[in-house]
Amino acid sequence: MMSVKQFLSTAVIYAAVTCQPAQGQDAALFPSLRDYSDEAIRLHGLAALFPDRVLFEQPQLEIHSESRVAARVEDLPRAIKYIRLYRLNEAKSVLAEHQTQAALILDLRFLKSNHTAVDTFCGFATAKQAQTLTTVGTVPADLSISGEASSTVRDFPAIVLCNRETAGPFEAVLHQLQAAGAIIGVGESTAGRTGFYRKASANAWILSGEVRPDSDTSLVGVGFEPRIRLESDAKENYLSYHLYEAGTEILQLLRNEDSSSDSDQPSEPDSHRIEPDRILQRGIDIIAALQILQQQPEL
């Protein structure tokens, strides 16, 4: 059987041969073939075989937050502490302050960071042991890949909200923590931006290194997969998160537990009704279920 390297080499040679004027057919069948060098053909072949490992746009995280604070903290029903993160590298003190909170929701939706924050997230580990990420290839020298877990033992896991806009090397840490039972992810799979790229010819960037939760698990282009998957369209995804940023009180984004069809109160017009944040509400429901289970007597 022909190896991938042999196949690509054969494909490049074949393409080079068919470009010869003597063939007399390539201009009609492949009118733009002459615009590509052998290197460009090879890179496009690699990109087809290995998606997200050869890119034709610069792979740069657009890290921008209009928030003046690194994180915002809110109190929710059932004694739940809610923390929305904007700048991961600056939020260590906020997370450390609340890591002993029994009922905790971390909102990482739309969070982008070039940091692993492994030392920060280690505070949510279920046991006191070092958390170490695996690197493959070439990664930045200042990339943190290990941290010492705190001695805090949580009653049940922290809830982490995420979506496809959650992006950065810290995705590998989330995978580790969920696998260890320290967190429960809720929402969509993250972006899979755990790789590092080098500039190649033909205006392409090739994967040169990545950070992994373990040696066998690559998250490049795949991302961290939350245990509780909730798919949403782009409009719902944006509005459910950004209504809070626009000044809507967070309690208005939750399901109204007191509402019923038999109520004598006039219903709110559809034009003024705010749809609940399904991902946040699911996180609250999970904590409520865990609290009830915790109160059950042991058999």
Protein backbone atom coordinates (compact mmCIF):
# COMPACT_ATOMS: atom_id res chain seq x y z
CA MET A 1 0.00 0.00 0.00
CA MET A 2 1.26 3.46 -0.88
CA SER A 3 2.05 5.75 2.09
CA VAL A 4 0.56 9.27 2.30
CA LYS A 5 3.99 10.75 1.55
CA GLN A 6 4.41 8.54 -1.53
CA PHE A 7 0.87 9.35 -2.68
CA LEU A 8 1.45 13.10 -2.41
CA SER A 9 4.80 12.82 -4.18
CA THR A 10 3.13 10.85 -6.99
CA ALA A 11 0.31 13.39 -7.21
CA VAL A 12 2.79 16.27 -7.51
CA ILE A 13 4.76 14.46 -10.24
CA TYR A 14 1.55 13.65 -12.12
CA ALA A 15 0.38 17.24 -11.87
CA ALA A 16 3.75 18.49 -13.11
CA VAL A 17 3.63 16.09 -16.10
CA THR A 18 0.10 17.07 -17.11
CA CYS A 19 1.13 20.70 -17.11
CA GLN A 20 3.44 20.15 -20.08
CA PRO A 21 2.27 21.88 -23.28
CA ALA A 22 2.67 18.59 -25.24
CA GLN A 23 -0.42 17.19 -23.58
CA GLY A 24 -2.63 19.80 -25.19
CA GLN A 25 -5.56 19.13 -22.84
CA ASP A 26 -4.68 20.57 -19.45
CA ALA A 27 -5.60 24.12 -20.47
CA ALA A 28 -9.20 23.04 -21.12
CA LEU A 29 -9.58 20.58 -18.25
CA PHE A 30 -7.62 22.54 -15.64
CA PRO A 31 -7.61 26.15 -16.81
CA SER A 32 -6.04 27.48 -13.57
CA LEU A 33 -3.49 24.72 -12.99
CA ARG A 34 -0.60 26.81 -14.29
CA ASP A 35 -1.31 29.38 -11.55
CA TYR A 36 -0.15 26.90 -8.90
CA SER A 37 3.35 25.75 -8.07
CA ASP A 38 4.11 22.17 -7.07
CA GLU A 39 4.37 23.38 -3.46
CA ALA A 40 0.90 24.93 -3.59
CA ILE A 41 -0.57 21.70 -4.99
CA ARG A 42 1.13 19.72 -2.23
CA LEU A 43 -0.17 22.03 0.49
CA HIS A 44 -3.73 21.94 -0.83
CA GLY A 45 -3.48 18.16 -0.90
CA LEU A 46 -2.31 18.14 2.72
CA ALA A 47 -5.13 20.51 3.70
CA ALA A 48 -7.69 18.14 2.19
CA LEU A 49 -6.19 15.15 4.01
CA PHE A 50 -5.60 16.93 7.33
CA PRO A 51 -8.22 19.67 7.93
CA ASP A 52 -7.20 22.43 10.36
CA ARG A 53 -3.53 21.43 10.12
CA VAL A 54 -2.81 23.36 6.94
CA LEU A 55 -4.52 26.76 6.79
CA PHE A 56 -4.67 29.40 4.06
CA GLU A 57 -5.62 32.24 6.40
CA GLN A 58 -3.42 33.41 9.23
CA PRO A 59 -4.45 31.43 12.35
CA GLN A 60 -4.59 34.30 14.81
CA LEU A 61 -6.97 34.47 17.77
CA GLU A 62 -8.80 37.79 17.88
CA ILE A 63 -8.56 38.42 21.60
CA HIS A 64 -10.65 41.46 22.37
CA SER A 65 -12.96 42.28 25.23
CA GLU A 66 -14.79 45.55 25.82
CA SER A 67 -15.28 44.66 29.48
CA ARG A 68 -13.29 46.77 31.92
CA VAL A 69 -13.01 43.82 34.29
CA ALA A 70 -11.47 40.37 33.86
CA ALA A 71 -14.58 38.65 35.21
CA ARG A 72 -18.07 39.42 36.52
CA VAL A 73 -19.65 37.57 39.44
CA GLU A 74 -23.38 37.13 40.06
CA ASP A 75 -25.50 35.35 42.66
CA LEU A 76 -28.08 32.97 41.22
CA PRO A 77 -30.90 30.97 42.84
CA ARG A 78 -30.03 27.83 44.86
CA ALA A 79 -26.92 29.53 46.29
CA ILE A 80 -25.16 29.31 42.92
CA LYS A 81 -22.23 31.59 42.18
CA TYR A 82 -21.94 32.55 38.50
CA ILE A 83 -18.65 33.81 37.05
CA ARG A 84 -18.37 35.11 33.49
CA LEU A 85 -14.76 35.31 32.28
CA TYR A 86 -13.50 37.91 29.81
CA ARG A 87 -9.71 37.83 30.23
CA LEU A 88 -8.47 34.49 31.42
CA ASN A 89 -4.93 35.57 32.28
CA GLU A 90 -6.23 38.32 34.61
CA ALA A 91 -8.99 36.35 36.34
CA LYS A 92 -6.86 34.09 38.55
CA SER A 93 -7.64 35.97 41.77
CA VAL A 94 -11.39 35.93 41.10
CA LEU A 95 -11.40 32.19 40.44
CA ALA A 96 -9.23 31.51 43.49
CA GLU A 97 -11.63 33.49 45.67
CA HIS A 98 -14.62 31.38 44.64
CA GLN A 99 -13.09 27.96 43.99
CA THR A 100 -14.47 26.61 47.28
CA GLN A 101 -18.01 27.65 46.35
CA ALA A 102 -20.17 24.52 46.50
CA ALA A 103 -22.39 25.48 43.55
CA LEU A 104 -20.40 27.20 40.82
CA ILE A 105 -20.94 28.03 37.14
CA LEU A 106 -18.05 29.28 35.00
CA ASP A 107 -19.17 30.92 31.76
CA LEU A 108 -16.42 30.61 29.12
CA ARG A 109 -18.60 31.28 26.09
CA PHE A 110 -16.96 33.66 23.58
CA LEU A 111 -13.75 33.52 25.64
CA LYS A 112 -10.54 33.55 23.61
CA SER A 113 -7.09 33.34 25.16
CA ASN A 114 -3.55 32.35 24.22
CA HIS A 115 -3.02 30.99 27.73
CA THR A 116 -3.54 27.47 29.05
CA ALA A 117 -4.35 28.82 32.54
CA VAL A 118 -3.45 25.35 33.82
CA ASP A 119 -2.29 26.81 37.15
CA THR A 120 -5.59 28.69 37.50
CA PHE A 121 -7.88 25.80 36.61
CA CYS A 122 -5.94 23.37 38.81
CA GLY A 123 -7.86 24.84 41.74
CA PHE A 124 -10.91 22.95 40.48
CA ALA A 125 -9.26 19.54 40.35
CA THR A 126 -10.88 16.78 42.40
CA ALA A 127 -7.65 15.67 44.04
CA LYS A 128 -4.36 17.25 45.02
CA GLN A 129 -2.13 16.20 42.21
CA ALA A 130 -0.09 17.94 39.56
CA GLN A 131 -1.91 18.67 36.31
CA THR A 132 0.39 18.39 33.31
CA LEU A 133 -0.40 18.91 29.64
CA THR A 134 1.41 17.17 26.80
CA THR A 135 3.06 19.07 23.97
CA VAL A 136 3.86 17.77 20.50
CA GLY A 137 6.19 19.57 18.13
CA THR A 138 7.18 23.20 18.72
CA VAL A 139 5.16 25.35 21.12
CA PRO A 140 5.89 28.82 22.57
CA ALA A 141 8.60 28.73 25.23
CA ASP A 142 6.46 30.67 27.71
CA LEU A 143 3.46 28.34 27.41
CA SER A 144 2.52 27.01 30.85
CA ILE A 145 1.84 23.27 30.77
CA SER A 146 1.76 22.24 34.44
CA GLY A 147 0.29 23.35 37.73
CA GLU A 148 -0.17 22.05 41.25
CA ALA A 149 -3.76 21.26 42.17
CA SER A 150 -5.13 22.78 45.37
CA SER A 151 -6.15 20.70 48.35
CA THR A 152 -9.77 21.88 48.08
CA VAL A 153 -12.16 18.98 47.64
CA ARG A 154 -15.45 19.95 45.99
CA ASP A 155 -18.79 18.31 46.83
CA PHE A 156 -19.65 18.11 43.14
CA PRO A 157 -18.20 19.39 39.86
CA ALA A 158 -18.17 22.98 38.71
CA ILE A 159 -20.34 23.65 35.64
CA VAL A 160 -18.49 25.12 32.63
CA LEU A 161 -20.50 26.79 29.87
CA CYS A 162 -18.85 26.83 26.44
CA ASN A 163 -19.59 27.26 22.74
CA ARG A 164 -17.83 27.23 19.38
CA GLU A 165 -16.34 30.66 20.15
CA THR A 166 -14.51 29.31 23.21
CA ALA A 167 -10.96 29.09 21.89
CA GLY A 168 -7.37 28.68 23.01
CA PRO A 169 -4.84 26.26 24.53
CA PHE A 170 -6.93 26.15 27.74
CA GLU A 171 -9.34 23.84 25.88
CA ALA A 172 -6.90 21.02 26.66
CA VAL A 173 -7.19 21.76 30.39
CA LEU A 174 -11.00 21.64 30.20
CA HIS A 175 -10.74 18.20 28.58
CA GLN A 176 -8.49 17.00 31.42
CA LEU A 177 -10.75 18.34 34.16
CA GLN A 178 -13.92 16.87 32.68
CA ALA A 179 -12.25 13.48 32.21
CA ALA A 180 -11.30 13.57 35.91
CA GLY A 181 -14.85 14.48 36.95
CA ALA A 182 -13.86 17.95 38.20
CA ILE A 183 -16.15 19.85 35.81
CA ILE A 184 -19.22 19.22 33.69
CA GLY A 185 -19.17 21.00 30.34
CA VAL A 186 -22.48 22.34 29.01
CA GLY A 187 -23.08 23.78 25.55
CA GLU A 188 -21.29 23.31 22.24
CA SER A 189 -17.90 21.85 21.36
CA THR A 190 -15.19 24.48 21.53
CA ALA A 191 -13.13 25.80 18.62
CA GLY A 192 -10.16 23.42 18.79
CA ARG A 193 -7.54 26.18 18.74
CA THR A 194 -4.85 24.21 20.57
CA GLY A 195 -2.28 24.26 17.77
CA PHE A 196 0.61 26.52 16.79
CA TYR A 197 1.54 27.20 13.16
CA ARG A 198 4.52 28.27 11.09
CA LYS A 199 4.37 30.28 7.88
CA ALA A 200 5.04 28.24 4.76
CA SER A 201 5.26 29.18 1.11
CA ALA A 202 2.22 29.69 -1.09
CA ASN A 203 0.57 31.82 1.63
CA ALA A 204 -0.10 28.84 3.90
CA TRP A 205 0.41 28.09 7.58
CA ILE A 206 1.34 24.56 8.65
CA LEU A 207 0.78 23.08 12.10
CA SER A 208 4.14 22.91 13.85
CA GLY A 209 3.09 22.04 17.40
CA GLU A 210 0.13 21.59 19.70
CA VAL A 211 -0.84 21.21 23.33
CA ARG A 212 -2.82 18.11 24.28
CA PRO A 213 -4.60 16.85 27.40
CA ASP A 214 -2.67 13.60 26.93
CA SER A 215 -0.31 12.13 24.35
CA ASP A 216 -3.05 10.38 22.37
CA THR A 217 -5.74 13.10 22.27
CA SER A 218 -5.47 15.92 19.75
CA LEU A 219 -8.08 18.69 19.97
CA VAL A 220 -6.92 20.62 16.89
CA GLY A 221 -10.03 21.48 14.87
CA VAL A 222 -12.11 19.23 17.14
CA GLY A 223 -12.21 21.06 20.44
CA PHE A 224 -13.31 20.18 23.93
CA GLU A 225 -16.59 18.28 23.86
CA PRO A 226 -18.88 19.14 26.78
CA ARG A 227 -20.63 16.27 28.51
CA ILE A 228 -24.01 17.97 28.03
CA ARG A 229 -24.37 19.01 24.38
CA LEU A 230 -26.81 21.79 23.48
CA GLU A 231 -26.81 22.97 19.89
CA SER A 232 -28.10 26.45 19.00
CA ASP A 233 -28.17 28.61 15.91
CA ALA A 234 -25.97 31.68 15.58
CA LYS A 235 -28.71 34.13 16.57
CA GLU A 236 -29.69 32.32 19.75
CA ASN A 237 -26.04 31.74 20.64
CA TYR A 238 -25.27 35.45 20.33
CA LEU A 239 -28.41 36.89 21.96
CA SER A 240 -28.51 34.53 24.94
CA TYR A 241 -24.99 35.63 25.87
CA HIS A 242 -24.93 39.30 24.87
CA LEU A 243 -28.27 40.40 26.36
CA TYR A 244 -26.47 40.33 29.70
CA GLU A 245 -23.68 42.45 28.21
CA ALA A 246 -26.30 44.94 27.03
CA GLY A 247 -27.59 45.44 30.58
CA THR A 248 -30.28 42.77 30.98
CA GLU A 249 -30.36 41.44 34.52
CA ILE A 250 -29.14 37.86 34.60
CA LEU A 251 -32.23 36.65 36.46
CA GLN A 252 -34.34 37.74 33.47
CA LEU A 253 -32.40 35.25 31.34
CA LEU A 254 -33.56 32.33 33.44
CA ARG A 255 -36.73 30.29 33.20
CA ASN A 256 -39.56 31.73 35.28
CA GLU A 257 -40.34 28.94 37.73
CA ASP A 258 -43.43 30.78 39.08
CA SER A 259 -45.19 31.20 35.74
CA SER A 260 -48.13 28.96 34.93
CA SER A 261 -50.96 28.86 32.43
CA ASP A 262 -53.50 29.26 35.28
CA SER A 263 -52.05 32.53 36.52
CA ASP A 264 -54.42 35.52 36.70
CA GLN A 265 -51.59 37.86 35.80
CA PRO A 266 -51.67 39.19 32.22
CA SER A 267 -49.08 37.56 30.01
CA GLU A 268 -46.17 39.62 28.76
CA PRO A 269 -46.40 40.63 25.08
CA ASP A 270 -44.25 38.47 22.80
CA SER A 271 -42.35 41.55 21.65
CA HIS A 272 -41.10 42.14 25.22
CA ARG A 273 -40.54 38.55 26.26
CA ILE A 274 -36.93 37.55 26.78
CA GLU A 275 -36.12 33.98 25.85
CA PRO A 276 -34.23 32.12 28.58
CA ASP A 277 -30.54 31.40 28.13
CA ARG A 278 -30.86 27.64 27.52
CA ILE A 279 -27.23 26.83 28.20
CA LEU A 280 -27.13 28.76 31.47
CA GLN A 281 -30.50 27.33 32.50
CA ARG A 282 -29.29 23.79 31.84
CA GLY A 283 -26.27 24.44 34.05
CA ILE A 284 -28.57 25.56 36.87
CA ASP A 285 -30.80 22.51 36.39
CA ILE A 286 -27.78 20.19 36.68
CA ILE A 287 -26.69 21.81 39.94
CA ALA A 288 -30.26 21.58 41.29
CA ALA A 289 -30.31 17.86 40.51
CA LEU A 290 -26.93 17.34 42.18
CA GLN A 291 -28.10 19.22 45.27
CA ILE A 292 -31.18 17.01 45.55
CA LEU A 293 -29.11 13.85 45.17
CA GLN A 294 -26.72 15.07 47.84
CA GLN A 295 -29.62 15.46 50.29
CA GLN A 296 -30.85 11.92 49.78
CA PRO A 297 -30.13 9.56 52.68
CA GLU A 298 -27.59 6.83 52.02
CA LEU A 299 -29.06 3.35 51.66
